[in-house]
Amino acid sequence: MQQILGVVANINKVKQIIKRRDEMKLTTEEQELCINAERVSDIATAYISDNTWITKMDKLVIKNPKEFKCIAETEWGKMYSFPKKYISIRVSSRSMSDEQREAASKRFTKMHLDRQLQSNI
């Protein structure tokens, strides 16, 4: 019963946060996400006025309050703190020719078959 009440309380918190966020009147072009990570600290801070990111971070604060904290709130945005280890820059696009794609496919198929053979031994 206690867990159910906790879940309901978290849902109500998210609803209140979304309602407050919707009252902010920044245009899409004005909304931003600024992350600050100092070399000498394991903690990063992020100032966010982008509604999508505020919602994501608020959910992380509720889900993992030991690591993600909302440390300040203004009428336009919020500031969060979290471990720097969660910052990641990924390159998502990789151009491959048809020949490279086929060679990679063959290597993966061979690796997969080798693993299956080893697990059957």
Protein backbone atom coordinates (compact mmCIF):
# COMPACT_ATOMS: atom_id res chain seq x y z
CA MET A 1 0.00 0.00 0.00
CA GLN A 2 2.86 2.33 0.87
CA GLN A 3 4.44 1.78 -2.56
CA ILE A 4 1.15 2.54 -4.33
CA LEU A 5 0.83 5.81 -2.41
CA GLY A 6 4.41 6.66 -3.36
CA VAL A 7 3.71 6.02 -7.05
CA VAL A 8 0.55 8.16 -6.91
CA ALA A 9 2.52 10.95 -5.20
CA ASN A 10 5.19 10.77 -7.92
CA ILE A 11 2.55 10.92 -10.66
CA ASN A 12 1.00 13.97 -9.00
CA LYS A 13 4.44 15.61 -8.78
CA VAL A 14 5.02 15.06 -12.50
CA LYS A 15 1.58 16.49 -13.32
CA GLN A 16 2.30 19.60 -11.23
CA ILE A 17 5.71 19.99 -12.86
CA ILE A 18 4.21 19.70 -16.34
CA LYS A 19 1.49 22.22 -15.45
CA ARG A 20 4.09 24.71 -14.17
CA ARG A 21 6.29 24.10 -17.20
CA ASP A 22 3.39 24.79 -19.56
CA GLU A 23 2.93 28.17 -17.88
CA MET A 24 6.43 29.22 -18.98
CA LYS A 25 6.23 31.35 -22.09
CA LEU A 26 9.58 31.05 -23.85
CA THR A 27 9.46 30.57 -27.59
CA THR A 28 10.99 27.43 -29.05
CA GLU A 29 13.95 29.47 -30.30
CA GLU A 30 14.60 30.85 -26.78
CA GLN A 31 14.60 27.46 -25.05
CA GLU A 32 18.07 26.07 -24.29
CA LEU A 33 20.10 23.41 -22.53
CA CYS A 34 23.48 24.42 -21.04
CA ILE A 35 25.66 21.80 -19.34
CA ASN A 36 28.61 22.80 -17.15
CA ALA A 37 31.19 20.24 -16.09
CA GLU A 38 34.34 21.39 -14.35
CA ARG A 39 37.45 19.29 -14.59
CA VAL A 40 38.04 19.21 -10.82
CA SER A 41 34.53 18.07 -9.91
CA ASP A 42 32.60 14.84 -10.40
CA ILE A 43 29.32 16.78 -10.45
CA ALA A 44 27.89 18.51 -13.52
CA THR A 45 25.15 21.11 -13.61
CA ALA A 46 22.65 21.79 -16.34
CA TYR A 47 20.49 24.86 -16.81
CA ILE A 48 17.48 23.93 -18.90
CA SER A 49 14.67 26.04 -20.31
CA ASP A 50 13.71 23.53 -23.02
CA ASN A 51 10.38 21.97 -22.04
CA THR A 52 11.23 18.53 -23.43
CA TRP A 53 14.49 18.33 -21.47
CA ILE A 54 12.89 19.67 -18.29
CA THR A 55 10.36 16.84 -18.43
CA LYS A 56 13.13 14.26 -18.99
CA MET A 57 15.22 15.61 -16.13
CA ASP A 58 12.24 15.86 -13.76
CA LYS A 59 11.52 12.19 -14.39
CA LEU A 60 15.17 11.34 -13.64
CA VAL A 61 14.99 13.35 -10.39
CA ILE A 62 11.95 11.35 -9.30
CA LYS A 63 13.35 8.00 -10.48
CA ASN A 64 16.88 8.49 -9.10
CA PRO A 65 16.92 11.26 -6.44
CA LYS A 66 20.31 10.23 -5.05
CA GLU A 67 22.10 11.18 -8.26
CA PHE A 68 19.82 13.69 -10.00
CA LYS A 69 18.71 16.82 -8.14
CA CYS A 70 16.81 19.92 -9.13
CA ILE A 71 18.85 22.62 -7.37
CA ALA A 72 17.13 25.78 -8.62
CA GLU A 73 14.02 26.86 -10.45
CA THR A 74 13.16 30.10 -12.19
CA GLU A 75 10.08 31.15 -14.08
CA TRP A 76 11.87 30.18 -17.33
CA GLY A 77 13.77 27.05 -16.43
CA LYS A 78 15.47 24.80 -13.92
CA MET A 79 19.00 23.91 -12.87
CA TYR A 80 19.93 20.32 -12.13
CA SER A 81 22.99 18.62 -10.69
CA PHE A 82 24.06 15.09 -11.53
CA PRO A 83 27.24 12.97 -11.77
CA LYS A 84 29.47 14.02 -14.65
CA LYS A 85 29.79 10.37 -15.72
CA TYR A 86 26.34 10.64 -17.35
CA ILE A 87 27.51 13.19 -19.91
CA SER A 88 28.07 11.58 -23.28
CA ILE A 89 28.68 12.82 -26.80
CA ARG A 90 27.80 10.28 -29.44
CA VAL A 91 28.32 10.26 -33.16
CA SER A 92 25.31 8.55 -34.64
CA SER A 93 25.86 8.71 -38.37
CA ARG A 94 28.40 6.55 -40.10
CA SER A 95 28.63 6.37 -43.87
CA MET A 96 29.36 2.96 -45.33
CA SER A 97 29.54 1.91 -48.93
CA ASP A 98 27.53 -1.09 -50.06
CA GLU A 99 30.73 -3.16 -50.13
CA GLN A 100 31.64 -2.15 -46.56
CA ARG A 101 28.11 -2.92 -45.36
CA GLU A 102 28.18 -6.37 -46.96
CA ALA A 103 31.64 -7.15 -45.52
CA ALA A 104 30.47 -6.09 -42.05
CA SER A 105 27.37 -8.26 -42.44
CA LYS A 106 29.51 -11.29 -43.33
CA ARG A 107 31.83 -10.67 -40.36
CA PHE A 108 28.85 -10.39 -38.00
CA THR A 109 27.24 -13.57 -39.39
CA LYS A 110 30.52 -15.48 -38.97
CA MET A 111 30.96 -14.16 -35.42
CA HIS A 112 27.38 -15.14 -34.56
CA LEU A 113 27.84 -18.68 -35.94
CA ASP A 114 31.17 -19.06 -34.09
CA ARG A 115 29.48 -18.08 -30.81
CA GLN A 116 26.67 -20.57 -31.42
CA LEU A 117 29.19 -23.34 -32.08
CA GLN A 118 31.15 -22.50 -28.91
CA SER A 119 28.01 -22.48 -26.76
CA ASN A 120 27.02 -25.94 -28.09
CA ILE A 121 30.39 -27.45 -27.10
